[in-house]
């Protein structure tokens, strides 16, 4: 269990199904930010880096992260998959302060009257995995293609294909998305400390992982994308992020290394 304590726990039992070398660390980071108690159950990837079949006993797709939330009066737990869904559910039930207020006073349900912070929050909750992470996954697949086990005289073929996809899609898309995000963060209501407003939101939790993945690949640095790079390092310096890393290390038995610090 986490050592955190929060009246917002509401008697709920929370279980995180953690897959090694996965993007699920941000869920544990969120739980630490919310000071909630939770249990981590670790699953190891197989030799092909896939999730074990046992995870399908929890959710039919057998993907990670998966979170179970069992309310004190519930007959069965709510099973949550997809990082964005998990973050929204946990924030709405246990950390409403991490969801920006949708409307200004007196403008409830007025079309077009939403607060900018809320519009940013809703957009980034879909954008992180729906747009940006797709680029990083294609890049990862191309890296694996380069290392495909082929005879020496054929190795040039997958490398040539991977280089073409990297140049024509991955690098091209990063050169479009990263300047957009640099400006998006720079023009946030709090001048770039967080993506949506004056305090940490679920959208910041969701965005950190994809930016960690991009840090060595893009690369992100103090000179190339200073606002984004500063955001990544600032979030990693938060005490809750450090506690989450320690919790993952303890549960998995191997040191947690952020994707931003891995070599590609």
Protein backbone atom coordinates (compact mmCIF):
# COMPACT_ATOMS: atom_id res chain seq x y z
CA UNK A 1 0.00 0.00 0.00
CA UNK A 2 1.01 3.61 -0.50
CA UNK A 3 1.91 5.48 2.67
CA UNK A 4 -0.31 8.35 1.53
CA UNK A 5 -3.38 9.34 3.50
CA UNK A 6 -6.31 11.38 2.19
CA UNK A 7 -9.89 11.82 3.35
CA UNK A 8 -10.84 11.76 -0.33
CA UNK A 9 -10.12 8.00 -0.34
CA UNK A 10 -13.81 7.55 0.56
CA UNK A 11 -13.16 4.00 1.68
CA UNK A 12 -12.28 2.88 -1.84
CA UNK A 13 -9.81 0.08 -2.52
CA UNK A 14 -7.57 0.83 -5.51
CA UNK A 15 -5.45 -1.74 -7.33
CA UNK A 16 -3.00 -0.95 -10.13
CA UNK A 17 -2.00 -3.74 -12.48
CA UNK A 18 1.50 -2.74 -13.48
CA UNK A 19 3.29 -4.10 -16.52
CA UNK A 20 7.06 -3.74 -16.49
CA UNK A 21 8.51 -1.19 -18.93
CA UNK A 22 5.11 0.41 -19.48
CA UNK A 23 3.48 3.81 -19.50
CA UNK A 24 1.58 2.98 -16.31
CA UNK A 25 3.98 4.93 -14.09
CA UNK A 26 1.98 8.11 -14.66
CA UNK A 27 -1.04 6.47 -13.01
CA UNK A 28 1.01 5.71 -9.92
CA UNK A 29 2.35 9.28 -10.03
CA UNK A 30 -1.25 10.56 -10.06
CA UNK A 31 -2.18 8.36 -7.10
CA UNK A 32 0.78 9.76 -5.19
CA UNK A 33 -0.21 13.34 -6.07
CA UNK A 34 -3.69 12.57 -4.73
CA UNK A 35 -2.18 10.93 -1.60
CA UNK A 36 -4.33 7.84 -2.07
CA UNK A 37 -3.65 4.35 -0.78
CA UNK A 38 -3.33 1.69 -3.46
CA UNK A 39 -1.90 -1.75 -4.18
CA UNK A 40 0.41 -2.54 -7.10
CA UNK A 41 0.33 -5.97 -8.74
CA UNK A 42 3.25 -6.48 -11.11
CA UNK A 43 3.20 -8.45 -14.37
CA UNK A 44 6.32 -9.26 -16.39
CA UNK A 45 6.48 -8.98 -20.16
CA UNK A 46 7.20 -12.12 -22.14
CA UNK A 47 10.22 -12.72 -24.38
CA UNK A 48 8.54 -10.74 -27.18
CA UNK A 49 7.87 -7.80 -24.84
CA UNK A 50 4.14 -8.55 -24.80
CA UNK A 51 1.86 -8.51 -21.78
CA UNK A 52 1.22 -11.94 -20.25
CA UNK A 53 -2.07 -13.68 -20.97
CA UNK A 54 -2.95 -13.43 -17.27
CA UNK A 55 -3.77 -9.75 -17.71
CA UNK A 56 -6.74 -10.79 -19.85
CA UNK A 57 -8.30 -12.15 -16.67
CA UNK A 58 -8.52 -8.54 -15.51
CA UNK A 59 -9.45 -6.88 -18.82
CA UNK A 60 -10.22 -8.67 -22.12
CA UNK A 61 -7.55 -6.76 -24.06
CA UNK A 62 -4.84 -7.66 -21.55
CA UNK A 63 -3.21 -4.24 -21.81
CA UNK A 64 -1.59 -2.07 -19.16
CA UNK A 65 -2.22 0.03 -17.20
CA UNK A 66 -5.40 -1.35 -15.67
CA UNK A 67 -6.88 0.02 -12.47
CA UNK A 68 -9.59 -1.50 -10.29
CA UNK A 69 -11.57 0.76 -7.98
CA UNK A 70 -13.80 -0.96 -5.43
CA UNK A 71 -16.13 1.39 -3.61
CA UNK A 72 -17.17 0.56 -0.03
CA UNK A 73 -20.78 -0.12 -1.04
CA UNK A 74 -20.07 -1.62 -4.47
CA UNK A 75 -20.70 -5.29 -5.25
CA UNK A 76 -17.84 -5.44 -7.75
CA UNK A 77 -14.96 -3.16 -8.74
CA UNK A 78 -14.93 -0.72 -11.62
CA UNK A 79 -12.24 -1.91 -14.05
CA UNK A 80 -10.57 0.94 -15.92
CA UNK A 81 -8.31 0.69 -18.95
CA UNK A 82 -6.75 3.43 -21.14
CA UNK A 83 -4.60 6.00 -19.37
CA UNK A 84 -6.83 8.97 -20.24
CA UNK A 85 -9.94 7.24 -18.89
CA UNK A 86 -8.13 6.21 -15.71
CA UNK A 87 -6.80 9.72 -15.10
CA UNK A 88 -10.19 11.33 -15.65
CA UNK A 89 -11.97 8.84 -13.38
CA UNK A 90 -9.47 9.18 -10.53
CA UNK A 91 -9.39 12.98 -10.76
CA UNK A 92 -13.18 13.30 -10.85
CA UNK A 93 -13.71 11.03 -7.83
CA UNK A 94 -10.63 11.68 -5.69
CA UNK A 95 -9.04 14.92 -6.92
CA UNK A 96 -11.56 17.36 -8.37
CA UNK A 97 -9.00 20.15 -8.00
CA UNK A 98 -7.04 18.52 -10.81
CA UNK A 99 -9.87 19.10 -13.27
CA UNK A 100 -10.16 22.79 -14.27
CA UNK A 101 -13.54 24.41 -13.69
CA UNK A 102 -15.55 24.14 -16.89
CA UNK A 103 -17.51 27.40 -16.77
CA UNK A 104 -17.01 30.83 -15.21
CA UNK A 105 -19.57 31.87 -12.61
CA UNK A 106 -22.94 32.54 -14.20
CA UNK A 107 -22.13 30.90 -17.53
CA UNK A 108 -23.02 27.29 -16.80
CA UNK A 109 -23.92 25.34 -19.93
CA UNK A 110 -23.36 28.33 -22.20
CA UNK A 111 -22.02 27.08 -25.53
CA UNK A 112 -18.68 28.75 -26.11
CA UNK A 113 -18.53 30.01 -22.54
CA UNK A 114 -16.08 27.38 -21.27
CA UNK A 115 -12.92 28.39 -19.44
CA UNK A 116 -9.73 28.19 -21.49
CA UNK A 117 -8.13 25.96 -18.82
CA UNK A 118 -10.95 23.40 -19.15
CA UNK A 119 -10.79 23.43 -22.97
CA UNK A 120 -7.05 22.81 -22.79
CA UNK A 121 -7.56 20.00 -20.28
CA UNK A 122 -10.17 18.23 -22.40
CA UNK A 123 -8.08 18.58 -25.56
CA UNK A 124 -4.84 17.26 -24.05
CA UNK A 125 -6.58 14.30 -22.43
CA UNK A 126 -7.33 13.07 -25.96
CA UNK A 127 -4.32 14.51 -27.79
CA UNK A 128 -1.59 12.77 -25.77
CA UNK A 129 -2.42 9.24 -26.87
CA UNK A 130 -4.61 10.00 -29.88
CA UNK A 131 -2.10 12.15 -31.79
CA UNK A 132 1.32 12.38 -30.21
CA UNK A 133 1.88 8.87 -28.89
CA UNK A 134 1.10 7.43 -32.33
CA UNK A 135 4.25 9.12 -33.65
CA UNK A 136 6.38 7.66 -30.87
CA UNK A 137 4.98 4.15 -31.36
CA UNK A 138 5.77 4.24 -35.08
CA UNK A 139 9.31 5.35 -34.17
CA UNK A 140 9.60 2.44 -31.73
CA UNK A 141 8.42 -0.05 -34.36
CA UNK A 142 11.00 1.30 -36.81
CA UNK A 143 13.76 0.85 -34.23
CA UNK A 144 12.72 -2.79 -33.80
CA UNK A 145 12.57 -3.24 -37.56
CA UNK A 146 16.19 -2.14 -37.84
CA UNK A 147 17.15 -4.91 -35.41
CA UNK A 148 15.12 -7.62 -37.16
CA UNK A 149 16.95 -10.99 -37.05
CA UNK A 150 17.83 -11.41 -40.73
CA UNK A 151 20.86 -12.75 -42.57
CA UNK A 152 23.64 -10.18 -42.91
CA UNK A 153 23.11 -9.64 -46.63
CA UNK A 154 19.43 -8.76 -46.04
CA UNK A 155 19.78 -6.47 -43.03
CA UNK A 156 19.99 -3.39 -45.21
CA UNK A 157 16.36 -3.84 -46.34
CA UNK A 158 14.56 -3.27 -43.01
CA UNK A 159 17.05 -0.52 -42.14
CA UNK A 160 16.34 1.25 -45.42
CA UNK A 161 12.57 0.98 -44.84
CA UNK A 162 12.90 2.19 -41.24
CA UNK A 163 15.03 5.16 -42.28
CA UNK A 164 12.48 6.15 -44.93
CA UNK A 165 9.57 5.97 -42.45
CA UNK A 166 11.57 7.85 -39.83
CA UNK A 167 12.43 10.61 -42.27
CA UNK A 168 9.08 10.81 -44.01
CA UNK A 169 6.78 10.39 -41.02
CA UNK A 170 8.31 10.34 -37.53
CA UNK A 171 10.79 13.21 -37.87
CA UNK A 172 8.38 15.20 -40.03
CA UNK A 173 5.54 14.86 -37.51
CA UNK A 174 7.77 15.73 -34.55
CA UNK A 175 8.84 18.91 -36.32
CA UNK A 176 5.15 19.81 -36.53
CA UNK A 177 3.94 18.73 -33.08
CA UNK A 178 6.81 19.86 -30.86
CA UNK A 179 6.76 23.54 -31.94
CA UNK A 180 2.98 23.42 -31.50
CA UNK A 181 3.34 22.07 -27.95
CA UNK A 182 6.15 24.49 -27.11
CA UNK A 183 3.86 27.37 -28.04
CA UNK A 184 0.84 25.73 -26.37
CA UNK A 185 2.72 25.51 -23.09
CA UNK A 186 4.22 29.00 -23.44
CA UNK A 187 0.77 30.54 -23.90
CA UNK A 188 -0.95 28.70 -21.06
CA UNK A 189 -2.75 30.94 -18.53
CA UNK A 190 0.12 30.62 -16.05
CA UNK A 191 2.86 31.36 -18.60
CA UNK A 192 4.10 27.85 -19.07
CA UNK A 193 4.42 26.19 -15.67
CA UNK A 194 1.51 23.85 -16.38
CA UNK A 195 -0.39 23.13 -19.59
CA UNK A 196 -3.84 24.28 -18.47
CA UNK A 197 -3.81 26.72 -15.57
CA UNK A 198 -2.09 27.79 -12.35
CA UNK A 199 -1.85 24.30 -10.85
CA UNK A 200 -1.19 20.69 -11.80
CA UNK A 201 -4.03 18.99 -13.69
CA UNK A 202 -4.75 15.53 -15.03
CA UNK A 203 -3.66 16.77 -18.45
CA UNK A 204 -0.14 17.44 -17.15
CA UNK A 205 -0.03 13.88 -15.81
CA UNK A 206 -1.16 12.56 -19.20
CA UNK A 207 1.27 14.67 -21.21
CA UNK A 208 4.43 13.95 -19.24
CA UNK A 209 4.88 10.37 -20.44
CA UNK A 210 4.66 11.22 -24.14
CA UNK A 211 7.12 14.08 -23.66
CA UNK A 212 9.47 11.78 -21.76
CA UNK A 213 9.38 9.46 -24.76
CA UNK A 214 10.17 12.36 -27.09
CA UNK A 215 13.04 13.75 -24.98
CA UNK A 216 15.80 11.47 -26.33
CA UNK A 217 14.18 11.00 -29.75
CA UNK A 218 13.46 14.59 -30.78
CA UNK A 219 15.54 15.51 -28.85
CA UNK A 220 14.11 17.90 -26.27
CA UNK A 221 16.71 20.14 -24.68
CA UNK A 222 17.18 23.54 -23.06
CA UNK A 223 18.04 24.96 -26.47
CA UNK A 224 15.66 23.13 -28.84
CA UNK A 225 12.38 23.25 -26.88
CA UNK A 226 13.17 24.99 -23.58
CA UNK A 227 9.60 25.23 -22.24
CA UNK A 228 8.83 21.55 -22.88
CA UNK A 229 12.20 20.39 -21.56
CA UNK A 230 11.79 22.49 -18.41
CA UNK A 231 8.29 21.07 -17.93
CA UNK A 232 9.57 17.48 -18.12
CA UNK A 233 12.36 18.07 -15.61
CA UNK A 234 10.13 20.10 -13.30
CA UNK A 235 7.49 17.38 -13.17
CA UNK A 236 10.15 14.72 -12.54
CA UNK A 237 11.40 16.80 -9.61
CA UNK A 238 8.02 16.76 -7.85
CA UNK A 239 8.00 14.77 -4.62
CA UNK A 240 5.01 12.70 -5.73
CA UNK A 241 6.81 11.72 -8.95
CA UNK A 242 9.82 10.62 -6.92
CA UNK A 243 7.60 8.61 -4.56
CA UNK A 244 5.94 6.97 -7.57
CA UNK A 245 9.33 5.99 -8.99
CA UNK A 246 10.32 4.49 -5.65
CA UNK A 247 7.00 2.63 -5.45
CA UNK A 248 7.50 1.16 -8.93
CA UNK A 249 11.06 0.16 -8.08
CA UNK A 250 9.90 -1.51 -4.87
CA UNK A 251 7.03 -3.36 -6.56
CA UNK A 252 8.90 -4.50 -9.67
CA UNK A 253 12.29 -5.20 -8.11
CA UNK A 254 14.11 -3.16 -10.76
CA UNK A 255 15.08 0.52 -10.76
CA UNK A 256 12.59 2.74 -12.53
CA UNK A 257 14.28 4.76 -15.29
CA UNK A 258 12.18 7.49 -16.95
CA UNK A 259 11.91 7.18 -20.72
CA UNK A 260 13.50 10.61 -20.97
CA UNK A 261 16.72 9.16 -19.62
CA UNK A 262 16.86 6.11 -21.88
CA UNK A 263 19.10 6.06 -24.93
CA UNK A 264 17.40 5.39 -28.26
